[in-house]
Amino acid sequence: TYTHTVVAVTACPAGIAHTYMAAEALAKAGEEMGV
């Protein structure tokens, strides 16, 4: 169960590495916080 739901956008116009690094980090942090 989750206490909140958040939508986010990660972007890297020159490549993709930071896009996925940031996305996975946000999802992981959310799981730890119940979001």
Full PDB file with SEQRES, HELIX, SHEET, SSBOND, CRYST1, ORIGX, SCALE, CONECT and MASTER records, all heavy atoms in Angstrom:
SEQRES   1 A   35  THR TYR THR HIS THR VAL VAL ALA VAL THR ALA CYS PRO          
SEQRES   2 A   35  ALA GLY ILE ALA HIS THR TYR MET ALA ALA GLU ALA LEU          
SEQRES   3 A   35  ALA LYS ALA GLY GLU GLU MET GLY VAL                          
HELIX    1 AA1 ALA A   17  MET A   33  1                                  17    
CRYST1    1.000    1.000    1.000  90.00  90.00  90.00 P 1           1          
ORIGX1      1.000000  0.000000  0.000000        0.00000                         
ORIGX2      0.000000  1.000000  0.000000        0.00000                         
ORIGX3      0.000000  0.000000  1.000000        0.00000                         
SCALE1      1.000000  0.000000  0.000000        0.00000                         
SCALE2      0.000000  1.000000  0.000000        0.00000                         
SCALE3      0.000000  0.000000  1.000000        0.00000                         
ATOM      1  N   THR A   1       0.848  -1.191   0.000  1.00  0.00           N  
ATOM      2  CA  THR A   1       0.000   0.000   0.000  1.00  0.00           C  
ATOM      3  C   THR A   1       0.885   1.244   0.000  1.00  0.00           C  
ATOM      4  O   THR A   1       2.007   1.218   0.497  1.00  0.00           O  
ATOM      5  CB  THR A   1      -0.926   0.010   1.224  1.00  0.00           C  
ATOM      6  OG1 THR A   1      -0.130  -0.010   2.418  1.00  0.00           O  
ATOM      7  CG2 THR A   1      -1.860  -1.191   1.213  1.00  0.00           C  
ATOM      8  N   TYR A   2       0.347   2.326  -0.552  1.00  0.00           N  
ATOM      9  CA  TYR A   2       1.097   3.562  -0.669  1.00  0.00           C  
ATOM     10  C   TYR A   2       0.329   4.709  -0.039  1.00  0.00           C  
ATOM     11  O   TYR A   2      -0.901   4.782  -0.137  1.00  0.00           O  
ATOM     12  CB  TYR A   2       1.383   3.872  -2.149  1.00  0.00           C  
ATOM     13  CG  TYR A   2       2.220   2.830  -2.828  1.00  0.00           C  
ATOM     14  CD1 TYR A   2       1.628   1.773  -3.530  1.00  0.00           C  
ATOM     15  CD2 TYR A   2       3.608   2.863  -2.762  1.00  0.00           C  
ATOM     16  CE1 TYR A   2       2.401   0.804  -4.142  1.00  0.00           C  
ATOM     17  CE2 TYR A   2       4.390   1.897  -3.378  1.00  0.00           C  
ATOM     18  CZ  TYR A   2       3.782   0.867  -4.064  1.00  0.00           C  
ATOM     19  OH  TYR A   2       4.542  -0.108  -4.670  1.00  0.00           O  
ATOM     20  N   THR A   3       1.066   5.608   0.585  1.00  0.00           N  
ATOM     21  CA  THR A   3       0.428   6.766   1.221  1.00  0.00           C  
ATOM     22  C   THR A   3       0.153   7.873   0.217  1.00  0.00           C  
ATOM     23  O   THR A   3      -0.787   8.647   0.379  1.00  0.00           O  
ATOM     24  CB  THR A   3       1.335   7.323   2.338  1.00  0.00           C  
ATOM     25  OG1 THR A   3       2.609   7.687   1.774  1.00  0.00           O  
ATOM     26  CG2 THR A   3       1.552   6.271   3.422  1.00  0.00           C  
ATOM     27  N   HIS A   4       0.981   7.958  -0.823  1.00  0.00           N  
ATOM     28  CA  HIS A   4       0.817   8.977  -1.845  1.00  0.00           C  
ATOM     29  C   HIS A   4       1.245   8.412  -3.200  1.00  0.00           C  
ATOM     30  O   HIS A   4       1.922   7.389  -3.282  1.00  0.00           O  
ATOM     31  CB  HIS A   4       1.667  10.223  -1.548  1.00  0.00           C  
ATOM     32  CG  HIS A   4       1.290  10.946  -0.300  1.00  0.00           C  
ATOM     33  ND1 HIS A   4       1.710  10.554   0.957  1.00  0.00           N  
ATOM     34  CD2 HIS A   4       0.499  12.041  -0.115  1.00  0.00           C  
ATOM     35  CE1 HIS A   4       1.215  11.375   1.863  1.00  0.00           C  
ATOM     36  NE2 HIS A   4       0.482  12.289   1.246  1.00  0.00           N  
ATOM     37  N   THR A   5       0.850   9.127  -4.257  1.00  0.00           N  
ATOM     38  CA  THR A   5       1.292   8.814  -5.606  1.00  0.00           C  
ATOM     39  C   THR A   5       1.923  10.063  -6.208  1.00  0.00           C  
ATOM     40  O   THR A   5       1.384  11.168  -6.069  1.00  0.00           O  
ATOM     41  CB  THR A   5       0.123   8.362  -6.492  1.00  0.00           C  
ATOM     42  OG1 THR A   5      -0.440   7.152  -5.958  1.00  0.00           O  
ATOM     43  CG2 THR A   5       0.600   8.093  -7.920  1.00  0.00           C  
ATOM     44  N   VAL A   6       3.066   9.890  -6.845  1.00  0.00           N  
ATOM     45  CA  VAL A   6       3.789  11.007  -7.442  1.00  0.00           C  
ATOM     46  C   VAL A   6       4.085  10.682  -8.898  1.00  0.00           C  
ATOM     47  O   VAL A   6       4.441   9.548  -9.231  1.00  0.00           O  
ATOM     48  CB  VAL A   6       5.115  11.272  -6.686  1.00  0.00           C  
ATOM     49  CG1 VAL A   6       5.952  12.315  -7.415  1.00  0.00           C  
ATOM     50  CG2 VAL A   6       4.837  11.719  -5.263  1.00  0.00           C  
ATOM     51  N   VAL A   7       3.931  11.679  -9.782  1.00  0.00           N  
ATOM     52  CA  VAL A   7       4.365  11.529 -11.167  1.00  0.00           C  
ATOM     53  C   VAL A   7       5.575  12.414 -11.375  1.00  0.00           C  
ATOM     54  O   VAL A   7       5.653  13.514 -10.816  1.00  0.00           O  
ATOM     55  CB  VAL A   7       3.248  11.882 -12.171  1.00  0.00           C  
ATOM     56  CG1 VAL A   7       2.111  10.884 -12.087  1.00  0.00           C  
ATOM     57  CG2 VAL A   7       2.743  13.295 -11.965  1.00  0.00           C  
ATOM     58  N   ALA A   8       6.526  11.932 -12.158  1.00  0.00           N  
ATOM     59  CA  ALA A   8       7.765  12.677 -12.368  1.00  0.00           C  
ATOM     60  C   ALA A   8       8.235  12.490 -13.805  1.00  0.00           C  
ATOM     61  O   ALA A   8       7.817  11.557 -14.493  1.00  0.00           O  
ATOM     62  CB  ALA A   8       8.835  12.201 -11.389  1.00  0.00           C  
ATOM     63  N   VAL A   9       9.109  13.382 -14.241  1.00  0.00           N  
ATOM     64  CA  VAL A   9       9.729  13.291 -15.557  1.00  0.00           C  
ATOM     65  C   VAL A   9      11.232  13.433 -15.375  1.00  0.00           C  
ATOM     66  O   VAL A   9      11.699  14.363 -14.708  1.00  0.00           O  
ATOM     67  CB  VAL A   9       9.226  14.395 -16.510  1.00  0.00           C  
ATOM     68  CG1 VAL A   9       9.983  14.333 -17.836  1.00  0.00           C  
ATOM     69  CG2 VAL A   9       7.728  14.260 -16.751  1.00  0.00           C  
ATOM     70  N   THR A  10      11.983  12.506 -15.940  1.00  0.00           N  
ATOM     71  CA  THR A  10      13.438  12.642 -15.961  1.00  0.00           C  
ATOM     72  C   THR A  10      13.853  12.795 -17.419  1.00  0.00           C  
ATOM     73  O   THR A  10      13.251  12.189 -18.312  1.00  0.00           O  
ATOM     74  CB  THR A  10      14.140  11.422 -15.336  1.00  0.00           C  
ATOM     75  OG1 THR A  10      13.771  10.229 -16.043  1.00  0.00           O  
ATOM     76  CG2 THR A  10      13.751  11.275 -13.878  1.00  0.00           C  
ATOM     77  N   ALA A  11      14.865  13.600 -17.660  1.00  0.00           N  
ATOM     78  CA  ALA A  11      15.225  13.896 -19.051  1.00  0.00           C  
ATOM     79  C   ALA A  11      16.715  14.133 -19.209  1.00  0.00           C  
ATOM     80  O   ALA A  11      17.387  14.618 -18.300  1.00  0.00           O  
ATOM     81  CB  ALA A  11      14.464  15.131 -19.540  1.00  0.00           C  
ATOM     82  N   CYS A  12      17.217  13.748 -20.385  1.00  0.00           N  
ATOM     83  CA  CYS A  12      18.611  14.005 -20.752  1.00  0.00           C  
ATOM     84  C   CYS A  12      18.630  14.187 -22.264  1.00  0.00           C  
ATOM     85  O   CYS A  12      18.587  13.207 -23.003  1.00  0.00           O  
ATOM     86  CB  CYS A  12      19.500  12.835 -20.335  1.00  0.00           C  
ATOM     87  SG  CYS A  12      21.255  13.075 -20.705  1.00  0.00           S  
ATOM     88  N   PRO A  13      18.645  15.425 -22.758  1.00  0.00           N  
ATOM     89  CA  PRO A  13      18.538  15.664 -24.187  1.00  0.00           C  
ATOM     90  C   PRO A  13      19.703  15.141 -25.004  1.00  0.00           C  
ATOM     91  O   PRO A  13      19.584  14.918 -26.203  1.00  0.00           O  
ATOM     92  CB  PRO A  13      18.444  17.194 -24.284  1.00  0.00           C  
ATOM     93  CG  PRO A  13      19.101  17.687 -23.041  1.00  0.00           C  
ATOM     94  CD  PRO A  13      18.764  16.678 -21.986  1.00  0.00           C  
ATOM     95  N   ALA A  14      20.864  14.938 -24.375  1.00  0.00           N  
ATOM     96  CA  ALA A  14      22.042  14.507 -25.121  1.00  0.00           C  
ATOM     97  C   ALA A  14      22.280  13.009 -25.075  1.00  0.00           C  
ATOM     98  O   ALA A  14      23.089  12.482 -25.821  1.00  0.00           O  
ATOM     99  CB  ALA A  14      23.273  15.230 -24.579  1.00  0.00           C  
ATOM    100  N   GLY A  15      21.601  12.295 -24.193  1.00  0.00           N  
ATOM    101  CA  GLY A  15      21.837  10.864 -24.065  1.00  0.00           C  
ATOM    102  C   GLY A  15      20.718  10.210 -23.289  1.00  0.00           C  
ATOM    103  O   GLY A  15      19.587  10.669 -23.299  1.00  0.00           O  
ATOM    104  N   ILE A  16      21.037   9.106 -22.583  1.00  0.00           N  
ATOM    105  CA  ILE A  16      20.000   8.453 -21.799  1.00  0.00           C  
ATOM    106  C   ILE A  16      20.469   8.034 -20.408  1.00  0.00           C  
ATOM    107  O   ILE A  16      19.649   7.675 -19.569  1.00  0.00           O  
ATOM    108  CB  ILE A  16      19.436   7.201 -22.516  1.00  0.00           C  
ATOM    109  CG1 ILE A  16      20.520   6.127 -22.662  1.00  0.00           C  
ATOM    110  CG2 ILE A  16      18.840   7.565 -23.850  1.00  0.00           C  
ATOM    111  CD1 ILE A  16      19.997   4.832 -23.210  1.00  0.00           C  
ATOM    112  N   ALA A  17      21.763   8.064 -20.147  1.00  0.00           N  
ATOM    113  CA  ALA A  17      22.282   7.529 -18.892  1.00  0.00           C  
ATOM    114  C   ALA A  17      21.651   8.194 -17.677  1.00  0.00           C  
ATOM    115  O   ALA A  17      21.106   7.527 -16.793  1.00  0.00           O  
ATOM    116  CB  ALA A  17      23.801   7.676 -18.852  1.00  0.00           C  
ATOM    117  N   HIS A  18      21.723   9.531 -17.604  1.00  0.00           N  
ATOM    118  CA  HIS A  18      21.175  10.217 -16.442  1.00  0.00           C  
ATOM    119  C   HIS A  18      19.665  10.053 -16.348  1.00  0.00           C  
ATOM    120  O   HIS A  18      19.095  10.049 -15.248  1.00  0.00           O  
ATOM    121  CB  HIS A  18      21.545  11.701 -16.492  1.00  0.00           C  
ATOM    122  CG  HIS A  18      22.970  11.976 -16.141  1.00  0.00           C  
ATOM    123  ND1 HIS A  18      23.910  12.284 -17.083  1.00  0.00           N  
ATOM    124  CD2 HIS A  18      23.619  11.959 -14.953  1.00  0.00           C  
ATOM    125  CE1 HIS A  18      25.087  12.465 -16.495  1.00  0.00           C  
ATOM    126  NE2 HIS A  18      24.940  12.270 -15.213  1.00  0.00           N  
ATOM    127  N   THR A  19      18.987   9.921 -17.483  1.00  0.00           N  
ATOM    128  CA  THR A  19      17.545   9.725 -17.484  1.00  0.00           C  
ATOM    129  C   THR A  19      17.170   8.504 -16.663  1.00  0.00           C  
ATOM    130  O   THR A  19      16.283   8.554 -15.801  1.00  0.00           O  
ATOM    131  CB  THR A  19      17.033   9.547 -18.931  1.00  0.00           C  
ATOM    132  OG1 THR A  19      17.397  10.685 -19.698  1.00  0.00           O  
ATOM    133  CG2 THR A  19      15.531   9.373 -18.967  1.00  0.00           C  
ATOM    134  N   TYR A  20      17.829   7.391 -16.921  1.00  0.00           N  
ATOM    135  CA  TYR A  20      17.492   6.145 -16.237  1.00  0.00           C  
ATOM    136  C   TYR A  20      18.036   6.099 -14.820  1.00  0.00           C  
ATOM    137  O   TYR A  20      17.408   5.528 -13.923  1.00  0.00           O  
ATOM    138  CB  TYR A  20      17.977   4.946 -17.065  1.00  0.00           C  
ATOM    139  CG  TYR A  20      17.073   4.677 -18.238  1.00  0.00           C  
ATOM    140  CD1 TYR A  20      17.220   5.385 -19.425  1.00  0.00           C  
ATOM    141  CD2 TYR A  20      16.033   3.764 -18.160  1.00  0.00           C  
ATOM    142  CE1 TYR A  20      16.378   5.178 -20.499  1.00  0.00           C  
ATOM    143  CE2 TYR A  20      15.187   3.541 -19.225  1.00  0.00           C  
ATOM    144  CZ  TYR A  20      15.362   4.250 -20.393  1.00  0.00           C  
ATOM    145  OH  TYR A  20      14.505   4.047 -21.454  1.00  0.00           O  
ATOM    146  N   MET A  21      19.203   6.688 -14.599  1.00  0.00           N  
ATOM    147  CA  MET A  21      19.738   6.757 -13.247  1.00  0.00           C  
ATOM    148  C   MET A  21      18.767   7.499 -12.328  1.00  0.00           C  
ATOM    149  O   MET A  21      18.449   7.049 -11.225  1.00  0.00           O  
ATOM    150  CB  MET A  21      21.102   7.466 -13.248  1.00  0.00           C  
ATOM    151  CG  MET A  21      22.234   6.666 -13.836  1.00  0.00           C  
ATOM    152  SD  MET A  21      23.741   7.664 -14.036  1.00  0.00           S  
ATOM    153  CE  MET A  21      24.111   8.052 -12.321  1.00  0.00           C  
ATOM    154  N   ALA A  22      18.285   8.649 -12.795  1.00  0.00           N  
ATOM    155  CA  ALA A  22      17.370   9.452 -11.979  1.00  0.00           C  
ATOM    156  C   ALA A  22      16.040   8.745 -11.783  1.00  0.00           C  
ATOM    157  O   ALA A  22      15.475   8.748 -10.683  1.00  0.00           O  
ATOM    158  CB  ALA A  22      17.158  10.815 -12.643  1.00  0.00           C  
ATOM    159  N   ALA A  23      15.519   8.126 -12.839  1.00  0.00           N  
ATOM    160  CA  ALA A  23      14.226   7.444 -12.741  1.00  0.00           C  
ATOM    161  C   ALA A  23      14.272   6.302 -11.733  1.00  0.00           C  
ATOM    162  O   ALA A  23      13.370   6.153 -10.896  1.00  0.00           O  
ATOM    163  CB  ALA A  23      13.811   6.927 -14.119  1.00  0.00           C  
ATOM    164  N   GLU A  24      15.308   5.486 -11.808  1.00  0.00           N  
ATOM    165  CA  GLU A  24      15.422   4.366 -10.882  1.00  0.00           C  
ATOM    166  C   GLU A  24      15.616   4.847  -9.450  1.00  0.00           C  
ATOM    167  O   GLU A  24      15.089   4.266  -8.501  1.00  0.00           O  
ATOM    168  CB  GLU A  24      16.582   3.458 -11.304  1.00  0.00           C  
ATOM    169  CG  GLU A  24      16.340   2.712 -12.602  1.00  0.00           C  
ATOM    170  CD  GLU A  24      15.187   1.733 -12.500  1.00  0.00           C  
ATOM    171  OE1 GLU A  24      15.094   1.019 -11.483  1.00  0.00           O  
ATOM    172  OE2 GLU A  24      14.374   1.689 -13.430  1.00  0.00           O  
ATOM    173  N   ALA A  25      16.384   5.922  -9.282  1.00  0.00           N  
ATOM    174  CA  ALA A  25      16.612   6.463  -7.940  1.00  0.00           C  
ATOM    175  C   ALA A  25      15.311   6.983  -7.337  1.00  0.00           C  
ATOM    176  O   ALA A  25      15.031   6.780  -6.146  1.00  0.00           O  
ATOM    177  CB  ALA A  25      17.656   7.571  -7.987  1.00  0.00           C  
ATOM    178  N   LEU A  26      14.491   7.661  -8.135  1.00  0.00           N  
ATOM    179  CA  LEU A  26      13.208   8.171  -7.647  1.00  0.00           C  
ATOM    180  C   LEU A  26      12.271   7.028  -7.255  1.00  0.00           C  
ATOM    181  O   LEU A  26      11.621   7.079  -6.205  1.00  0.00           O  
ATOM    182  CB  LEU A  26      12.553   9.039  -8.726  1.00  0.00           C  
ATOM    183  CG  LEU A  26      13.150  10.428  -8.949  1.00  0.00           C  
ATOM    184  CD1 LEU A  26      12.571  11.049 -10.211  1.00  0.00           C  
ATOM    185  CD2 LEU A  26      12.900  11.330  -7.745  1.00  0.00           C  
ATOM    186  N   ALA A  27      12.199   6.009  -8.115  1.00  0.00           N  
ATOM    187  CA  ALA A  27      11.322   4.880  -7.831  1.00  0.00           C  
ATOM    188  C   ALA A  27      11.762   4.148  -6.562  1.00  0.00           C  
ATOM    189  O   ALA A  27      10.941   3.757  -5.733  1.00  0.00           O  
ATOM    190  CB  ALA A  27      11.296   3.924  -9.023  1.00  0.00           C  
ATOM    191  N   LYS A  28      13.070   3.979  -6.419  1.00  0.00           N  
ATOM    192  CA  LYS A  28      13.598   3.290  -5.238  1.00  0.00           C  
ATOM    193  C   LYS A  28      13.313   4.073  -3.965  1.00  0.00           C  
ATOM    194  O   LYS A  28      12.878   3.517  -2.957  1.00  0.00           O  
ATOM    195  CB  LYS A  28      15.101   3.073  -5.398  1.00  0.00           C  
ATOM    196  CG  LYS A  28      15.761   2.370  -4.225  1.00  0.00           C  
ATOM    197  CD  LYS A  28      17.249   2.191  -4.466  1.00  0.00           C  
ATOM    198  CE  LYS A  28      17.923   1.534  -3.268  1.00  0.00           C  
ATOM    199  NZ  LYS A  28      19.378   1.369  -3.488  1.00  0.00           N  
ATOM    200  N   ALA A  29      13.548   5.389  -4.018  1.00  0.00           N  
ATOM    201  CA  ALA A  29      13.283   6.225  -2.841  1.00  0.00           C  
ATOM    202  C   ALA A  29      11.803   6.212  -2.491  1.00  0.00           C  
ATOM    203  O   ALA A  29      11.423   6.174  -1.311  1.00  0.00           O  
ATOM    204  CB  ALA A  29      13.750   7.654  -3.103  1.00  0.00           C  
ATOM    205  N   GLY A  30      10.957   6.230  -3.520  1.00  0.00           N  
ATOM    206  CA  GLY A  30       9.525   6.182  -3.272  1.00  0.00           C  
ATOM    207  C   GLY A  30       9.098   4.901  -2.574  1.00  0.00           C  
ATOM    208  O   GLY A  30       8.291   4.928  -1.640  1.00  0.00           O  
ATOM    209  N   GLU A  31       9.646   3.774  -3.024  1.00  0.00           N  
ATOM    210  CA  GLU A  31       9.314   2.491  -2.391  1.00  0.00           C  
ATOM    211  C   GLU A  31       9.690   2.497  -0.916  1.00  0.00           C  
ATOM    212  O   GLU A  31       8.955   2.009  -0.061  1.00  0.00           O  
ATOM    213  CB  GLU A  31      10.040   1.348  -3.106  1.00  0.00           C  
ATOM    214  CG  GLU A  31       9.488   1.003  -4.468  1.00  0.00           C  
ATOM    215  CD  GLU A  31       8.083   0.436  -4.393  1.00  0.00           C  
ATOM    216  OE1 GLU A  31       7.793  -0.314  -3.444  1.00  0.00           O  
ATOM    217  OE2 GLU A  31       7.274   0.756  -5.273  1.00  0.00           O  
ATOM    218  N   GLU A  32      10.843   3.064  -0.609  1.00  0.00           N  
ATOM    219  CA  GLU A  32      11.297   3.105   0.779  1.00  0.00           C  
ATOM    220  C   GLU A  32      10.409   3.989   1.650  1.00  0.00           C  
ATOM    221  O   GLU A  32      10.274   3.754   2.856  1.00  0.00           O  
ATOM    222  CB  GLU A  32      12.743   3.602   0.834  1.00  0.00           C  
ATOM    223  CG  GLU A  32      13.732   2.647   0.184  1.00  0.00           C  
ATOM    224  CD  GLU A  32      15.134   3.228   0.100  1.00  0.00           C  
ATOM    225  OE1 GLU A  32      15.298   4.429   0.427  1.00  0.00           O  
ATOM    226  OE2 GLU A  32      16.071   2.486  -0.274  1.00  0.00           O  
ATOM    227  N   MET A  33       9.781   4.994   1.031  1.00  0.00           N  
ATOM    228  CA  MET A  33       8.943   5.939   1.770  1.00  0.00           C  
ATOM    229  C   MET A  33       7.459   5.607   1.692  1.00  0.00           C  
ATOM    230  O   MET A  33       6.625   6.319   2.253  1.00  0.00           O  
ATOM    231  CB  MET A  33       9.171   7.353   1.222  1.00  0.00           C  
ATOM    232  CG  MET A  33      10.594   7.849   1.368  1.00  0.00           C  
ATOM    233  SD  MET A  33      10.870   9.417   0.488  1.00  0.00           S  
ATOM    234  CE  MET A  33       9.765  10.503   1.400  1.00  0.00           C  
ATOM    235  N   GLY A  34       7.117   4.529   0.978  1.00  0.00           N  
ATOM    236  CA  GLY A  34       5.714   4.177   0.835  1.00  0.00           C  
ATOM    237  C   GLY A  34       4.983   5.061  -0.147  1.00  0.00           C  
ATOM    238  O   GLY A  34       3.759   5.220  -0.076  1.00  0.00           O  
ATOM    239  N   VAL A  35       5.719   5.646  -1.099  1.00  0.00           N  
ATOM    240  CA  VAL A  35       5.133   6.527  -2.110  1.00  0.00           C  
ATOM    241  C   VAL A  35       5.286   5.860  -3.477  1.00  0.00           C  
ATOM    242  O   VAL A  35       6.376   5.445  -3.856  1.00  0.00           O  
ATOM    243  CB  VAL A  35       5.831   7.900  -2.124  1.00  0.00           C  
ATOM    244  CG1 VAL A  35       5.288   8.762  -3.258  1.00  0.00           C  
ATOM    245  CG2 VAL A  35       5.660   8.594  -0.783  1.00  0.00           C  
TER     246      VAL A  35                                                      
MASTER        0    0    0    1    0    0    0    6  245    1    0    3          
END                                                                             
